[in-house]
Amino acid sequence: MHKKEIKIIKNEFKEFYTKFIHIDNDMFCININANEDIKSGFLNINENKDNILILIIKIHSNCFEVINKNLGEQTKYFESIEHIFNFFCPISFKNFITKNIENKLMSYS
């Protein structure tokens, strides 16, 4: 159902995540190296001692839902994928956006 939208997310943010798993037509899992967001309670430490944020995301017709079981009472529904990244790993996402802007500006030089 949302296969095309998931493919767009996969391509648009490929420099931001370390692993992308397409689960089904409405759901995917994304692993983000979030070393800058060391105070986040949602991180997992991998074998390389990196802070890995693992998000399982389901796309609905009007929103995105993070369906991780460890969220508890945290916000689960978001208007966009960018809102999800900004909520769970704001520093890492800001650095990703800044790098993209710098790269685009450099390409115009």
PDB file of N, CA and C in Angstrom:
ATOM      1  N   MET A   1       0.812  -1.193   0.000  1.00  0.00           N
ATOM      2  CA  MET A   1       0.000   0.000   0.000  1.00  0.00           C
ATOM      3  C   MET A   1       0.863   1.267   0.000  1.00  0.00           C
ATOM      4  N   HIS A   2       1.869   1.318   0.860  1.00  0.00           N
ATOM      5  CA  HIS A   2       2.751   2.475   0.946  1.00  0.00           C
ATOM      6  C   HIS A   2       4.165   2.130   0.474  1.00  0.00           C
ATOM      7  N   LYS A   3       4.252   1.169  -0.400  1.00  0.00           N
ATOM      8  CA  LYS A   3       5.543   0.666  -0.869  1.00  0.00           C
ATOM      9  C   LYS A   3       6.387   1.774  -1.507  1.00  0.00           C
ATOM     10  N   LYS A   4       5.757   2.616  -2.312  1.00  0.00           N
ATOM     11  CA  LYS A   4       6.469   3.695  -2.992  1.00  0.00           C
ATOM     12  C   LYS A   4       7.006   4.714  -1.985  1.00  0.00           C
ATOM     13  N   GLU A   5       6.208   5.046  -0.999  1.00  0.00           N
ATOM     14  CA  GLU A   5       6.614   6.001   0.031  1.00  0.00           C
ATOM     15  C   GLU A   5       7.801   5.460   0.839  1.00  0.00           C
ATOM     16  N   ILE A   6       7.776   4.173   1.156  1.00  0.00           N
ATOM     17  CA  ILE A   6       8.879   3.551   1.891  1.00  0.00           C
ATOM     18  C   ILE A   6      10.154   3.594   1.054  1.00  0.00           C
ATOM     19  N   LYS A   7      10.037   3.350  -0.235  1.00  0.00           N
ATOM     20  CA  LYS A   7      11.204   3.393  -1.122  1.00  0.00           C
ATOM     21  C   LYS A   7      11.798   4.800  -1.177  1.00  0.00           C
ATOM     22  N   ILE A   8      10.954   5.811  -1.201  1.00  0.00           N
ATOM     23  CA  ILE A   8      11.423   7.200  -1.202  1.00  0.00           C
ATOM     24  C   ILE A   8      12.182   7.507   0.087  1.00  0.00           C
ATOM     25  N   ILE A   9      11.627   7.084   1.220  1.00  0.00           N
ATOM     26  CA  ILE A   9      12.294   7.298   2.514  1.00  0.00           C
ATOM     27  C   ILE A   9      13.648   6.594   2.526  1.00  0.00           C
ATOM     28  N   LYS A  10      13.674   5.367   2.033  1.00  0.00           N
ATOM     29  CA  LYS A  10      14.921   4.593   2.002  1.00  0.00           C
ATOM     30  C   LYS A  10      15.996   5.320   1.198  1.00  0.00           C
ATOM     31  N   ASN A  11      15.631   5.871   0.057  1.00  0.00           N
ATOM     32  CA  ASN A  11      16.598   6.558  -0.798  1.00  0.00           C
ATOM     33  C   ASN A  11      16.978   7.938  -0.266  1.00  0.00           C
ATOM     34  N   GLU A  12      16.008   8.669   0.225  1.00  0.00           N
ATOM     35  CA  GLU A  12      16.253  10.043   0.667  1.00  0.00           C
ATOM     36  C   GLU A  12      17.131  10.121   1.918  1.00  0.00           C
ATOM     37  N   PHE A  13      17.043   9.129   2.777  1.00  0.00           N
ATOM     38  CA  PHE A  13      17.767   9.170   4.051  1.00  0.00           C
ATOM     39  C   PHE A  13      18.881   8.127   4.145  1.00  0.00           C
ATOM     40  N   LYS A  14      19.344   7.612   3.004  1.00  0.00           N
ATOM     41  CA  LYS A  14      20.340   6.534   3.024  1.00  0.00           C
ATOM     42  C   LYS A  14      21.652   6.937   3.687  1.00  0.00           C
ATOM     43  N   GLU A  15      21.973   8.225   3.718  1.00  0.00           N
ATOM     44  CA  GLU A  15      23.184   8.683   4.401  1.00  0.00           C
ATOM     45  C   GLU A  15      22.959   8.834   5.904  1.00  0.00           C
ATOM     46  N   PHE A  16      21.716   8.730   6.346  1.00  0.00           N
ATOM     47  CA  PHE A  16      21.378   8.941   7.755  1.00  0.00           C
ATOM     48  C   PHE A  16      21.291   7.634   8.540  1.00  0.00           C
ATOM     49  N   TYR A  17      20.878   6.566   7.902  1.00  0.00           N
ATOM     50  CA  TYR A  17      20.709   5.301   8.624  1.00  0.00           C
ATOM     51  C   TYR A  17      21.844   4.333   8.310  1.00  0.00           C
ATOM     52  N   THR A  18      22.005   3.332   9.189  1.00  0.00           N
ATOM     53  CA  THR A  18      23.023   2.301   8.965  1.00  0.00           C
ATOM     54  C   THR A  18      22.411   1.017   8.417  1.00  0.00           C
ATOM     55  N   LYS A  19      21.123   0.823   8.651  1.00  0.00           N
ATOM     56  CA  LYS A  19      20.446  -0.387   8.176  1.00  0.00           C
ATOM     57  C   LYS A  19      18.970  -0.065   7.954  1.00  0.00           C
ATOM     58  N   PHE A  20      18.426  -0.573   6.855  1.00  0.00           N
ATOM     59  CA  PHE A  20      17.021  -0.363   6.516  1.00  0.00           C
ATOM     60  C   PHE A  20      16.421  -1.714   6.160  1.00  0.00           C
ATOM     61  N   ILE A  21      15.343  -2.075   6.832  1.00  0.00           N
ATOM     62  CA  ILE A  21      14.677  -3.351   6.565  1.00  0.00           C
ATOM     63  C   ILE A  21      13.230  -3.064   6.186  1.00  0.00           C
ATOM     64  N   HIS A  22      12.869  -3.456   4.979  1.00  0.00           N
ATOM     65  CA  HIS A  22      11.489  -3.308   4.509  1.00  0.00           C
ATOM     66  C   HIS A  22      10.712  -4.520   5.021  1.00  0.00           C
ATOM     67  N   ILE A  23       9.813  -4.315   5.968  1.00  0.00           N
ATOM     68  CA  ILE A  23       9.097  -5.425   6.607  1.00  0.00           C
ATOM     69  C   ILE A  23       7.901  -5.872   5.770  1.00  0.00           C
ATOM     70  N   ASP A  24       7.051  -4.941   5.401  1.00  0.00           N
ATOM     71  CA  ASP A  24       5.924  -5.228   4.511  1.00  0.00           C
ATOM     72  C   ASP A  24       5.517  -3.934   3.817  1.00  0.00           C
ATOM     73  N   ASN A  25       4.349  -3.926   3.176  1.00  0.00           N
ATOM     74  CA  ASN A  25       3.933  -2.759   2.396  1.00  0.00           C
ATOM     75  C   ASN A  25       3.699  -1.504   3.220  1.00  0.00           C
ATOM     76  N   ASP A  26       3.495  -1.642   4.519  1.00  0.00           N
ATOM     77  CA  ASP A  26       3.208  -0.489   5.367  1.00  0.00           C
ATOM     78  C   ASP A  26       4.218  -0.288   6.491  1.00  0.00           C
ATOM     79  N   MET A  27       5.240  -1.119   6.563  1.00  0.00           N
ATOM     80  CA  MET A  27       6.114  -1.081   7.735  1.00  0.00           C
ATOM     81  C   MET A  27       7.580  -1.304   7.353  1.00  0.00           C
ATOM     82  N   PHE A  28       8.461  -0.612   8.087  1.00  0.00           N
ATOM     83  CA  PHE A  28       9.891  -0.800   7.904  1.00  0.00           C
ATOM     84  C   PHE A  28      10.612  -0.561   9.224  1.00  0.00           C
ATOM     85  N   CYS A  29      11.840  -1.043   9.279  1.00  0.00           N
ATOM     86  CA  CYS A  29      12.696  -0.860  10.451  1.00  0.00           C
ATOM     87  C   CYS A  29      13.927  -0.100   9.978  1.00  0.00           C
ATOM     88  N   ILE A  30      14.343   0.868  10.762  1.00  0.00           N
ATOM     89  CA  ILE A  30      15.499   1.680  10.402  1.00  0.00           C
ATOM     90  C   ILE A  30      16.431   1.770  11.605  1.00  0.00           C
ATOM     91  N   ASN A  31      17.720   1.532  11.361  1.00  0.00           N
ATOM     92  CA  ASN A  31      18.748   1.652  12.400  1.00  0.00           C
ATOM     93  C   ASN A  31      19.547   2.916  12.123  1.00  0.00           C
ATOM     94  N   ILE A  32      19.676   3.752  13.130  1.00  0.00           N
ATOM     95  CA  ILE A  32      20.365   5.028  12.981  1.00  0.00           C
ATOM     96  C   ILE A  32      21.532   5.070  13.956  1.00  0.00           C
ATOM     97  N   ASN A  33      22.711   5.432  13.452  1.00  0.00           N
ATOM     98  CA  ASN A  33      23.855   5.641  14.334  1.00  0.00           C
ATOM     99  C   ASN A  33      23.657   7.015  14.966  1.00  0.00           C
ATOM    100  N   ALA A  34      23.304   7.020  16.238  1.00  0.00           N
ATOM    101  CA  ALA A  34      22.940   8.261  16.933  1.00  0.00           C
ATOM    102  C   ALA A  34      23.942   8.582  18.034  1.00  0.00           C
ATOM    103  N   ASN A  35      25.214   8.541  17.710  1.00  0.00           N
ATOM    104  CA  ASN A  35      26.238   8.797  18.721  1.00  0.00           C
ATOM    105  C   ASN A  35      26.135  10.185  19.335  1.00  0.00           C
ATOM    106  N   GLU A  36      25.620  11.150  18.588  1.00  0.00           N
ATOM    107  CA  GLU A  36      25.478  12.503  19.119  1.00  0.00           C
ATOM    108  C   GLU A  36      24.368  12.589  20.165  1.00  0.00           C
ATOM    109  N   ASP A  37      23.435  11.682  20.133  1.00  0.00           N
ATOM    110  CA  ASP A  37      22.277  11.704  21.027  1.00  0.00           C
ATOM    111  C   ASP A  37      22.468  10.724  22.183  1.00  0.00           C
ATOM    112  N   ILE A  38      23.564  10.851  22.895  1.00  0.00           N
ATOM    113  CA  ILE A  38      23.920   9.871  23.924  1.00  0.00           C
ATOM    114  C   ILE A  38      22.976   9.861  25.116  1.00  0.00           C
ATOM    115  N   LYS A  39      22.184  10.910  25.294  1.00  0.00           N
ATOM    116  CA  LYS A  39      21.270  10.957  26.438  1.00  0.00           C
ATOM    117  C   LYS A  39      19.895  10.378  26.123  1.00  0.00           C
ATOM    118  N   SER A  40      19.692   9.946  24.894  1.00  0.00           N
ATOM    119  CA  SER A  40      18.404   9.377  24.514  1.00  0.00           C
ATOM    120  C   SER A  40      18.190   8.038  25.207  1.00  0.00           C
ATOM    121  N   GLY A  41      17.003   7.839  25.728  1.00  0.00           N
ATOM    122  CA  GLY A  41      16.669   6.580  26.383  1.00  0.00           C
ATOM    123  C   GLY A  41      16.264   5.488  25.422  1.00  0.00           C
ATOM    124  N   PHE A  42      16.333   5.745  24.132  1.00  0.00           N
ATOM    125  CA  PHE A  42      15.873   4.795  23.125  1.00  0.00           C
ATOM    126  C   PHE A  42      17.019   4.080  22.421  1.00  0.00           C
ATOM    127  N   LEU A  43      18.254   4.330  22.844  1.00  0.00           N
ATOM    128  CA  LEU A  43      19.412   3.796  22.138  1.00  0.00           C
ATOM    129  C   LEU A  43      19.780   2.395  22.593  1.00  0.00           C
ATOM    130  N   ASN A  44      20.371   1.651  21.680  1.00  0.00           N
ATOM    131  CA  ASN A  44      20.954   0.342  21.958  1.00  0.00           C
ATOM    132  C   ASN A  44      22.440   0.439  21.629  1.00  0.00           C
ATOM    133  N   ILE A  45      23.280  -0.177  22.415  1.00  0.00           N
ATOM    134  CA  ILE A  45      24.717  -0.167  22.145  1.00  0.00           C
ATOM    135  C   ILE A  45      25.053  -1.414  21.329  1.00  0.00           C
ATOM    136  N   ASN A  46      25.724  -1.222  20.172  1.00  0.00           N
ATOM    137  CA  ASN A  46      26.094  -2.381  19.359  1.00  0.00           C
ATOM    138  C   ASN A  46      27.508  -2.839  19.700  1.00  0.00           C
ATOM    139  N   GLU A  47      27.989  -3.852  18.982  1.00  0.00           N
ATOM    140  CA  GLU A  47      29.301  -4.426  19.279  1.00  0.00           C
ATOM    141  C   GLU A  47      30.443  -3.443  19.053  1.00  0.00           C
ATOM    142  N   ASN A  48      30.231  -2.402  18.253  1.00  0.00           N
ATOM    143  CA  ASN A  48      31.255  -1.383  18.015  1.00  0.00           C
ATOM    144  C   ASN A  48      31.163  -0.235  19.009  1.00  0.00           C
ATOM    145  N   LYS A  49      30.330  -0.386  20.019  1.00  0.00           N
ATOM    146  CA  LYS A  49      30.098   0.640  21.044  1.00  0.00           C
ATOM    147  C   LYS A  49      29.435   1.890  20.469  1.00  0.00           C
ATOM    148  N   ASP A  50      28.784   1.746  19.333  1.00  0.00           N
ATOM    149  CA  ASP A  50      28.010   2.841  18.754  1.00  0.00           C
ATOM    150  C   ASP A  50      26.640   2.870  19.405  1.00  0.00           C
ATOM    151  N   ASN A  51      26.062   4.035  19.463  1.00  0.00           N
ATOM    152  CA  ASN A  51      24.690   4.174  19.945  1.00  0.00           C
ATOM    153  C   ASN A  51      23.758   4.015  18.750  1.00  0.00           C
ATOM    154  N   ILE A  52      23.047   2.915  18.703  1.00  0.00           N
ATOM    155  CA  ILE A  52      22.173   2.618  17.576  1.00  0.00           C
ATOM    156  C   ILE A  52      20.720   2.799  18.002  1.00  0.00           C
ATOM    157  N   LEU A  53      20.021   3.622  17.264  1.00  0.00           N
ATOM    158  CA  LEU A  53      18.600   3.832  17.481  1.00  0.00           C
ATOM    159  C   LEU A  53      17.856   2.945  16.488  1.00  0.00           C
ATOM    160  N   ILE A  54      17.043   2.041  16.989  1.00  0.00           N
ATOM    161  CA  ILE A  54      16.273   1.139  16.138  1.00  0.00           C
ATOM    162  C   ILE A  54      14.813   1.551  16.225  1.00  0.00           C
ATOM    163  N   LEU A  55      14.252   1.946  15.089  1.00  0.00           N
ATOM    164  CA  LEU A  55      12.855   2.370  15.045  1.00  0.00           C
ATOM    165  C   LEU A  55      12.078   1.469  14.096  1.00  0.00           C
ATOM    166  N   ILE A  56      10.950   0.984  14.551  1.00  0.00           N
ATOM    167  CA  ILE A  56      10.033   0.227  13.702  1.00  0.00           C
ATOM    168  C   ILE A  56       8.874   1.167  13.411  1.00  0.00           C
ATOM    169  N   ILE A  57       8.668   1.447  12.133  1.00  0.00           N
ATOM    170  CA  ILE A  57       7.730   2.489  11.729  1.00  0.00           C
ATOM    171  C   ILE A  57       6.663   1.911  10.811  1.00  0.00           C
ATOM    172  N   LYS A  58       5.425   2.254  11.112  1.00  0.00           N
ATOM    173  CA  LYS A  58       4.289   1.853  10.285  1.00  0.00           C
ATOM    174  C   LYS A  58       3.688   3.116   9.681  1.00  0.00           C
ATOM    175  N   ILE A  59       3.411   3.047   8.390  1.00  0.00           N
ATOM    176  CA  ILE A  59       2.820   4.190   7.699  1.00  0.00           C
ATOM    177  C   ILE A  59       1.312   3.994   7.618  1.00  0.00           C
ATOM    178  N   HIS A  60       0.574   4.987   8.081  1.00  0.00           N
ATOM    179  CA  HIS A  60      -0.879   5.023   7.952  1.00  0.00           C
ATOM    180  C   HIS A  60      -1.227   6.029   6.860  1.00  0.00           C
ATOM    181  N   SER A  61      -2.475   6.145   6.525  1.00  0.00           N
ATOM    182  CA  SER A  61      -2.870   7.059   5.455  1.00  0.00           C
ATOM    183  C   SER A  61      -2.595   8.519   5.797  1.00  0.00           C
ATOM    184  N   ASN A  62      -2.612   8.864   7.081  1.00  0.00           N
ATOM    185  CA  ASN A  62      -2.437  10.271   7.448  1.00  0.00           C
ATOM    186  C   ASN A  62      -1.301  10.524   8.438  1.00  0.00           C
ATOM    187  N   CYS A  63      -0.533   9.493   8.795  1.00  0.00           N
ATOM    188  CA  CYS A  63       0.540   9.698   9.774  1.00  0.00           C
ATOM    189  C   CYS A  63       1.511   8.520   9.772  1.00  0.00           C
ATOM    190  N   PHE A  64       2.574   8.687  10.537  1.00  0.00           N
ATOM    191  CA  PHE A  64       3.553   7.633  10.781  1.00  0.00           C
ATOM    192  C   PHE A  64       3.416   7.215  12.232  1.00  0.00           C
ATOM    193  N   GLU A  65       3.533   5.914  12.483  1.00  0.00           N
ATOM    194  CA  GLU A  65       3.455   5.401  13.848  1.00  0.00           C
ATOM    195  C   GLU A  65       4.735   4.636  14.170  1.00  0.00           C
ATOM    196  N   VAL A  66       5.367   4.997  15.278  1.00  0.00           N
ATOM    197  CA  VAL A  66       6.523   4.247  15.761  1.00  0.00           C
ATOM    198  C   VAL A  66       5.966   3.173  16.681  1.00  0.00           C
ATOM    199  N   ILE A  67       6.208   1.902  16.344  1.00  0.00           N
ATOM    200  CA  ILE A  67       5.557   0.814  17.075  1.00  0.00           C
ATOM    201  C   ILE A  67       6.512   0.029  17.972  1.00  0.00           C
ATOM    202  N   ASN A  68       7.664   0.612  18.294  1.00  0.00           N
ATOM    203  CA  ASN A  68       8.584  -0.047  19.228  1.00  0.00           C
ATOM    204  C   ASN A  68       7.880  -0.318  20.546  1.00  0.00           C
ATOM    205  N   LYS A  69       8.058  -1.508  21.074  1.00  0.00           N
ATOM    206  CA  LYS A  69       7.413  -1.888  22.338  1.00  0.00           C
ATOM    207  C   LYS A  69       7.994  -1.146  23.539  1.00  0.00           C
ATOM    208  N   ASN A  70       9.247  -0.704  23.459  1.00  0.00           N
ATOM    209  CA  ASN A  70       9.898  -0.062  24.599  1.00  0.00           C
ATOM    210  C   ASN A  70       9.552   1.420  24.769  1.00  0.00           C
ATOM    211  N   LEU A  71       8.610   1.935  24.009  1.00  0.00           N
ATOM    212  CA  LEU A  71       8.272   3.357  24.091  1.00  0.00           C
ATOM    213  C   LEU A  71       7.448   3.714  25.316  1.00  0.00           C
ATOM    214  N   GLY A  72       6.689   2.787  25.802  1.00  0.00           N
ATOM    215  CA  GLY A  72       5.836   3.094  26.949  1.00  0.00           C
ATOM    216  C   GLY A  72       4.802   4.144  26.586  1.00  0.00           C
ATOM    217  N   GLU A  73       4.780   5.224  27.330  1.00  0.00           N
ATOM    218  CA  GLU A  73       3.794   6.289  27.115  1.00  0.00           C
ATOM    219  C   GLU A  73       4.291   7.388  26.180  1.00  0.00           C
ATOM    220  N   GLN A  74       5.425   7.187  25.534  1.00  0.00           N
ATOM    221  CA  GLN A  74       5.969   8.201  24.639  1.00  0.00           C
ATOM    222  C   GLN A  74       5.050   8.421  23.440  1.00  0.00           C
ATOM    223  N   THR A  75       5.212   9.565  22.810  1.00  0.00           N
ATOM    224  CA  THR A  75       4.482   9.877  21.586  1.00  0.00           C
ATOM    225  C   THR A  75       4.783   8.814  20.542  1.00  0.00           C
ATOM    226  N   LYS A  76       3.746   8.330  19.884  1.00  0.00           N
ATOM    227  CA  LYS A  76       3.923   7.274  18.896  1.00  0.00           C
ATOM    228  C   LYS A  76       3.511   7.692  17.491  1.00  0.00           C
ATOM    229  N   TYR A  77       2.726   8.752  17.361  1.00  0.00           N
ATOM    230  CA  TYR A  77       2.209   9.170  16.062  1.00  0.00           C
ATOM    231  C   TYR A  77       2.847  10.489  15.641  1.00  0.00           C
ATOM    232  N   PHE A  78       3.244  10.551  14.368  1.00  0.00           N
ATOM    233  CA  PHE A  78       3.949  11.718  13.855  1.00  0.00           C
ATOM    234  C   PHE A  78       3.422  12.064  12.468  1.00  0.00           C
ATOM    235  N   GLU A  79       3.502  13.346  12.116  1.00  0.00           N
ATOM    236  CA  GLU A  79       3.033  13.815  10.812  1.00  0.00           C
ATOM    237  C   GLU A  79       3.966  13.418   9.674  1.00  0.00           C
ATOM    238  N   SER A  80       5.262  13.294   9.975  1.00  0.00           N
ATOM    239  CA  SER A  80       6.230  12.996   8.918  1.00  0.00           C
ATOM    240  C   SER A  80       7.400  12.193   9.477  1.00  0.00           C
ATOM    241  N   ILE A  81       8.182  11.637   8.580  1.00  0.00           N
ATOM    242  CA  ILE A  81       9.369  10.891   8.993  1.00  0.00           C
ATOM    243  C   ILE A  81      10.378  11.830   9.637  1.00  0.00           C
ATOM    244  N   GLU A  82      10.448  13.069   9.148  1.00  0.00           N
ATOM    245  CA  GLU A  82      11.359  14.053   9.728  1.00  0.00           C
ATOM    246  C   GLU A  82      11.011  14.347  11.183  1.00  0.00           C
ATOM    247  N   HIS A  83       9.732  14.393  11.497  1.00  0.00           N
ATOM    248  CA  HIS A  83       9.314  14.612  12.890  1.00  0.00           C
ATOM    249  C   HIS A  83       9.767  13.464  13.789  1.00  0.00           C
ATOM    250  N   ILE A  84       9.724  12.257  13.263  1.00  0.00           N
ATOM    251  CA  ILE A  84      10.189  11.093  14.035  1.00  0.00           C
ATOM    252  C   ILE A  84      11.673  11.238  14.353  1.00  0.00           C
ATOM    253  N   PHE A  85      12.467  11.528  13.327  1.00  0.00           N
ATOM    254  CA  PHE A  85      13.910  11.660  13.534  1.00  0.00           C
ATOM    255  C   PHE A  85      14.223  12.811  14.484  1.00  0.00           C
ATOM    256  N   ASN A  86      13.516  13.908  14.331  1.00  0.00           N
ATOM    257  CA  ASN A  86      13.754  15.072  15.185  1.00  0.00           C
ATOM    258  C   ASN A  86      13.366  14.791  16.637  1.00  0.00           C
ATOM    259  N   PHE A  87      12.392  13.927  16.861  1.00  0.00           N
ATOM    260  CA  PHE A  87      11.956  13.586  18.217  1.00  0.00           C
ATOM    261  C   PHE A  87      12.927  12.618  18.893  1.00  0.00           C
ATOM    262  N   PHE A  88      13.327  11.556  18.191  1.00  0.00           N
ATOM    263  CA  PHE A  88      14.118  10.494  18.800  1.00  0.00           C
ATOM    264  C   PHE A  88      15.629  10.752  18.777  1.00  0.00           C
ATOM    265  N   CYS A  89      16.110  11.448  17.772  1.00  0.00           N
ATOM    266  CA  CYS A  89      17.559  11.707  17.687  1.00  0.00           C
ATOM    267  C   CYS A  89      17.796  13.100  17.093  1.00  0.00           C
ATOM    268  N   PRO A  90      17.410  14.142  17.814  1.00  0.00           N
ATOM    269  CA  PRO A  90      17.442  15.505  17.272  1.00  0.00           C
ATOM    270  C   PRO A  90      18.833  16.001  16.884  1.00  0.00           C
ATOM    271  N   ILE A  91      19.844  15.677  17.648  1.00  0.00           N
ATOM    272  CA  ILE A  91      21.191  16.175  17.338  1.00  0.00           C
ATOM    273  C   ILE A  91      21.731  15.482  16.091  1.00  0.00           C
ATOM    274  N   SER A  92      21.589  14.177  16.018  1.00  0.00           N
ATOM    275  CA  SER A  92      22.047  13.429  14.839  1.00  0.00           C
ATOM    276  C   SER A  92      21.301  13.882  13.587  1.00  0.00           C
ATOM    277  N   PHE A  93      19.996  14.106  13.711  1.00  0.00           N
ATOM    278  CA  PHE A  93      19.212  14.534  12.550  1.00  0.00           C
ATOM    279  C   PHE A  93      19.606  15.945  12.124  1.00  0.00           C
ATOM    280  N   LYS A  94      19.817  16.830  13.076  1.00  0.00           N
ATOM    281  CA  LYS A  94      20.254  18.197  12.757  1.00  0.00           C
ATOM    282  C   LYS A  94      21.589  18.155  12.023  1.00  0.00           C
ATOM    283  N   ASN A  95      22.518  17.326  12.482  1.00  0.00           N
ATOM    284  CA  ASN A  95      23.816  17.199  11.816  1.00  0.00           C
ATOM    285  C   ASN A  95      23.664  16.659  10.398  1.00  0.00           C
ATOM    286  N   PHE A  96      22.763  15.706  10.202  1.00  0.00           N
ATOM    287  CA  PHE A  96      22.493  15.155   8.872  1.00  0.00           C
ATOM    288  C   PHE A  96      21.950  16.241   7.937  1.00  0.00           C
ATOM    289  N   ILE A  97      20.980  17.016   8.408  1.00  0.00           N
ATOM    290  CA  ILE A  97      20.387  18.090   7.599  1.00  0.00           C
ATOM    291  C   ILE A  97      21.437  19.144   7.268  1.00  0.00           C
ATOM    292  N   THR A  98      22.226  19.532   8.260  1.00  0.00           N
ATOM    293  CA  THR A  98      23.274  20.533   8.053  1.00  0.00           C
ATOM    294  C   THR A  98      24.269  20.065   6.998  1.00  0.00           C
ATOM    295  N   LYS A  99      24.666  18.809   7.078  1.00  0.00           N
ATOM    296  CA  LYS A  99      25.611  18.254   6.105  1.00  0.00           C
ATOM    297  C   LYS A  99      25.013  18.279   4.699  1.00  0.00           C
ATOM    298  N   ASN A 100      23.739  17.935   4.572  1.00  0.00           N
ATOM    299  CA  ASN A 100      23.080  17.965   3.260  1.00  0.00           C
ATOM    300  C   ASN A 100      23.037  19.372   2.688  1.00  0.00           C
ATOM    301  N   ILE A 101      22.733  20.350   3.524  1.00  0.00           N
ATOM    302  CA  ILE A 101      22.684  21.744   3.066  1.00  0.00           C
ATOM    303  C   ILE A 101      24.073  22.196   2.623  1.00  0.00           C
ATOM    304  N   GLU A 102      25.085  21.876   3.421  1.00  0.00           N
ATOM    305  CA  GLU A 102      26.460  22.245   3.062  1.00  0.00           C
ATOM    306  C   GLU A 102      26.868  21.609   1.739  1.00  0.00           C
ATOM    307  N   ASN A 103      26.523  20.347   1.538  1.00  0.00           N
ATOM    308  CA  ASN A 103      26.859  19.665   0.284  1.00  0.00           C
ATOM    309  C   ASN A 103      26.171  20.318  -0.906  1.00  0.00           C
ATOM    310  N   LYS A 104      24.913  20.705  -0.738  1.00  0.00           N
ATOM    311  CA  LYS A 104      24.193  21.368  -1.828  1.00  0.00           C
ATOM    312  C   LYS A 104      24.800  22.726  -2.134  1.00  0.00           C
ATOM    313  N   LEU A 105      25.162  23.475  -1.097  1.00  0.00           N
ATOM    314  CA  LEU A 105      25.787  24.780  -1.307  1.00  0.00           C
ATOM    315  C   LEU A 105      27.136  24.637  -2.002  1.00  0.00           C
ATOM    316  N   MET A 106      27.896  23.635  -1.625  1.00  0.00           N
ATOM    317  CA  MET A 106      29.201  23.404  -2.254  1.00  0.00           C
ATOM    318  C   MET A 106      29.052  23.000  -3.719  1.00  0.00           C
ATOM    319  N   SER A 107      27.980  22.312  -4.052  1.00  0.00           N
ATOM    320  CA  SER A 107      27.778  21.891  -5.441  1.00  0.00           C
ATOM    321  C   SER A 107      27.447  23.073  -6.350  1.00  0.00           C
ATOM    322  N   TYR A 108      26.970  24.177  -5.779  1.00  0.00           N
ATOM    323  CA  TYR A 108      26.663  25.371  -6.563  1.00  0.00           C
ATOM    324  C   TYR A 108      27.891  26.255  -6.759  1.00  0.00           C
ATOM    325  N   SER A 109      28.960  25.982  -6.040  1.00  0.00           N
ATOM    326  CA  SER A 109      30.177  26.813  -6.125  1.00  0.00           C
ATOM    327  C   SER A 109      30.955  26.508  -7.370  1.00  0.00           C
TER     328      SER A 109
END
